[in-house]
Protein backbone atom coordinates (compact mmCIF):
# COMPACT_ATOMS: atom_id res chain seq x y z
CA MET A 1 0.00 0.00 0.00
CA ALA A 2 1.33 3.43 -0.92
CA ALA A 3 2.22 5.84 1.84
CA THR A 4 -0.11 8.78 2.40
CA ASP A 5 1.00 12.33 1.75
CA GLY A 6 1.04 12.88 5.50
CA THR A 7 3.40 9.96 6.04
CA LEU A 8 5.68 11.23 3.30
CA VAL A 9 5.67 14.75 4.76
CA CYS A 10 6.73 13.33 8.13
CA GLY A 11 9.47 11.40 6.35
CA VAL A 12 10.75 14.55 4.67
CA LEU A 13 10.79 16.38 8.00
CA ASN A 14 12.88 13.51 9.37
CA GLY A 15 15.41 13.85 6.54
CA ASP A 16 14.11 11.32 4.00
CA ARG A 17 14.88 12.84 0.58
CA ALA A 18 13.17 9.99 -1.23
CA ALA A 19 9.91 10.94 0.48
CA PHE A 20 10.05 14.42 -1.04
CA ALA A 21 10.80 12.90 -4.44
CA GLU A 22 7.65 10.79 -4.06
CA LEU A 23 5.59 13.86 -3.13
CA TYR A 24 6.99 15.63 -6.18
CA ASP A 25 6.17 12.68 -8.45
CA ARG A 26 2.61 12.58 -7.12
CA ARG A 27 1.80 16.28 -7.37
CA ALA A 28 4.06 17.84 -10.02
CA ARG A 29 1.54 17.30 -12.84
CA LEU A 30 -1.21 19.07 -10.87
CA VAL A 31 1.09 21.97 -10.00
CA ARG A 32 2.34 22.22 -13.59
CA ALA A 33 -1.26 22.23 -14.87
CA ILE A 34 -2.19 25.11 -12.57
CA CYS A 35 0.95 27.00 -13.59
CA PHE A 36 0.27 26.38 -17.28
CA ASP A 37 -3.28 27.61 -16.74
CA THR A 38 -1.76 30.92 -15.62
CA THR A 39 1.14 31.24 -18.06
CA HIS A 40 -0.01 29.41 -21.20
CA ASP A 41 3.69 28.64 -21.68
CA LEU A 42 5.19 25.20 -21.02
CA ASP A 43 8.65 26.53 -20.16
CA ALA A 44 7.31 29.14 -17.75
CA ALA A 45 5.00 26.56 -16.17
CA ALA A 46 7.94 24.20 -15.66
CA GLU A 47 9.99 26.95 -14.01
CA LEU A 48 7.10 27.99 -11.78
CA THR A 49 6.60 24.35 -10.80
CA GLN A 50 10.21 24.18 -9.64
CA GLU A 51 9.73 27.39 -7.66
CA VAL A 52 6.60 25.95 -6.00
CA PHE A 53 8.41 22.81 -4.88
CA LEU A 54 11.43 24.77 -3.64
CA ARG A 55 9.15 26.95 -1.51
CA ALA A 56 7.25 23.90 -0.29
CA LEU A 57 10.47 22.19 0.79
CA LYS A 58 11.67 25.32 2.61
CA LYS A 59 8.32 25.86 4.36
CA LEU A 60 7.34 22.25 4.99
CA GLY A 61 7.92 22.61 8.72
CA ALA A 62 5.15 25.24 8.82
CA LEU A 63 2.54 22.80 7.48
CA ARG A 64 0.22 22.19 10.44
CA ASP A 65 -1.65 19.16 9.08
CA PRO A 66 0.56 16.89 6.93
CA GLN A 67 -2.54 15.16 5.52
CA ARG A 68 -3.52 18.46 3.85
CA PHE A 69 -0.27 18.64 1.89
CA THR A 70 -1.97 18.78 -1.52
CA ALA A 71 -4.28 21.66 -0.59
CA TRP A 72 -1.33 23.49 1.01
CA LEU A 73 0.77 22.93 -2.12
CA VAL A 74 -2.04 24.25 -4.34
CA GLY A 75 -2.12 27.36 -2.15
CA ILE A 76 1.61 27.89 -2.70
CA THR A 77 1.09 27.30 -6.42
CA ARG A 78 -1.61 29.93 -6.62
CA GLN A 79 0.61 32.42 -4.77
CA VAL A 80 3.55 31.80 -7.12
CA CYS A 81 1.21 32.23 -10.10
CA ARG A 82 -0.15 35.50 -8.67
CA GLU A 83 3.41 36.75 -8.29
CA TRP A 84 4.23 35.70 -11.85
CA ARG A 85 1.17 37.53 -13.16
CA ARG A 86 2.09 40.68 -11.26
CA GLY A 87 5.55 40.61 -12.70
CA ARG A 88 7.34 40.23 -9.34
CA PHE A 89 8.60 36.80 -10.20
CA LEU A 90 11.40 37.19 -12.75
CA LEU A 91 11.72 34.23 -15.01
CA ARG A 92 15.25 33.04 -15.44
CA GLN A 93 16.72 33.91 -18.83
CA ARG A 94 17.74 30.99 -20.95
CA THR A 95 21.53 30.98 -21.15
CA THR A 96 22.01 27.96 -23.31
CA LEU A 97 21.25 27.51 -26.96
CA LEU A 98 18.73 24.93 -28.03
CA THR A 99 20.34 21.65 -28.80
CA ASP A 100 19.43 19.84 -31.95
CA ALA A 101 17.35 17.41 -29.91
CA GLU A 102 15.35 20.23 -28.34
CA ALA A 103 14.85 21.92 -31.69
CA VAL A 104 13.22 18.84 -33.21
CA ARG A 105 9.50 18.95 -32.55
CA GLU A 106 7.26 15.91 -32.37
CA ASP A 107 4.49 15.47 -34.88
CA PRO A 108 1.65 17.92 -34.31
CA PRO A 109 -1.04 16.52 -32.03
CA ASP A 110 -4.14 15.02 -33.48
CA GLU A 111 -6.67 17.74 -34.28
CA ARG A 112 -9.24 16.27 -31.90
CA VAL A 113 -6.74 16.33 -29.04
CA ALA A 114 -5.88 19.94 -29.89
CA LEU A 115 -9.58 20.86 -29.97
CA LEU A 116 -10.14 19.19 -26.61
CA ARG A 117 -7.08 20.89 -25.09
CA ASP A 118 -8.29 24.28 -26.35
CA ALA A 119 -11.81 23.62 -25.13
CA VAL A 120 -10.57 22.66 -21.65
CA GLY A 121 -8.39 25.77 -21.64
CA ALA A 122 -11.43 27.93 -22.40
CA LEU A 123 -13.46 26.58 -19.47
CA PRO A 124 -14.08 28.87 -16.50
CA GLN A 125 -11.27 28.52 -13.95
CA ARG A 126 -13.21 26.42 -11.43
CA GLU A 127 -14.32 23.95 -14.10
CA ARG A 128 -10.88 23.88 -15.74
CA LEU A 129 -9.06 23.13 -12.47
CA SER A 130 -11.61 20.47 -11.54
CA VAL A 131 -11.19 18.74 -14.91
CA GLN A 132 -7.40 18.94 -14.61
CA ALA A 133 -7.36 17.53 -11.08
CA PHE A 134 -9.91 14.76 -11.55
CA TYR A 135 -9.43 13.63 -15.14
CA LEU A 136 -6.00 14.77 -16.25
CA GLN A 137 -4.12 14.32 -12.97
CA GLY A 138 -6.06 11.19 -12.04
CA LEU A 139 -6.80 12.32 -8.49
CA ASP A 140 -9.61 10.41 -6.83
CA ALA A 141 -12.64 12.42 -5.72
CA ASP A 142 -11.40 12.88 -2.15
CA ALA A 143 -7.96 14.09 -3.26
CA ALA A 144 -9.45 16.40 -5.88
CA CYS A 145 -11.86 17.84 -3.30
CA ALA A 146 -8.99 18.43 -0.89
CA ALA A 147 -6.79 20.03 -3.56
CA LEU A 148 -9.57 22.34 -4.74
CA ALA A 149 -11.06 22.95 -1.27
CA VAL A 150 -14.58 21.98 -2.34
CA SER A 151 -17.11 19.41 -1.18
CA ARG A 152 -17.66 16.17 -3.08
CA ALA A 153 -21.10 17.38 -4.21
CA THR A 154 -19.59 20.62 -5.51
CA LEU A 155 -16.84 18.74 -7.34
CA TYR A 156 -19.33 16.48 -9.10
CA ARG A 157 -21.62 19.43 -9.95
CA VAL A 158 -18.70 21.42 -11.39
CA LEU A 159 -17.44 18.40 -13.37
CA SER A 160 -20.91 17.77 -14.73
CA GLY A 161 -21.15 21.36 -15.92
CA ALA A 162 -17.68 21.16 -17.45
CA ARG A 163 -18.50 17.95 -19.32
CA GLU A 164 -21.70 19.46 -20.68
CA ARG A 165 -19.89 22.65 -21.75
CA LEU A 166 -17.14 20.57 -23.44
CA ARG A 167 -19.72 18.40 -25.20
CA ARG A 168 -21.44 21.49 -26.64
CA VAL A 169 -18.19 23.14 -27.72
CA LEU A 170 -16.75 20.00 -29.29
CA SER A 171 -19.97 19.11 -31.10
CA ARG A 172 -19.87 22.55 -32.80
CA GLN A 173 -16.19 22.20 -33.74
CA GLU A 174 -16.10 18.53 -34.61
CA VAL A 175 -13.49 17.75 -37.22
CA ARG A 176 -14.90 15.92 -40.22
CA PRO A 177 -12.74 14.05 -42.74
């Protein structure tokens, strides 16, 4: 059975670096999704994600309830994103040239995937974050509720509205061969 976030937090506070790596692996996609939602830039979102986890590591001792790690981390993420939006957070300048491997792009995504990604991006923030947490990050309902600070009923109501909105948008934009 996998350790809970609270158990991992206690491990980190006792010097277990692998525990923090596990917390990072569990929550980095959610943090990156929230950051991307703010920046609309993959590189900036990746840098902000690193900043979030650095702050979390430094402030972990201040976390009162280790079981609420995800909600606490989302709070830090939102603060870092607010700072980025206000221009107080200076993004590090790239000092290295793109290597050939970085310059090569993968094939463009399937049009339907691109349409879905754009449609999710156009959802109102509450719906977008709920979809990202529950469907894209694979959090179970309890973890998604904790991360978003909403009740289970609210989560399901918001997801239902998001699915209906996505269905309407995608049915209007459906790609036909």
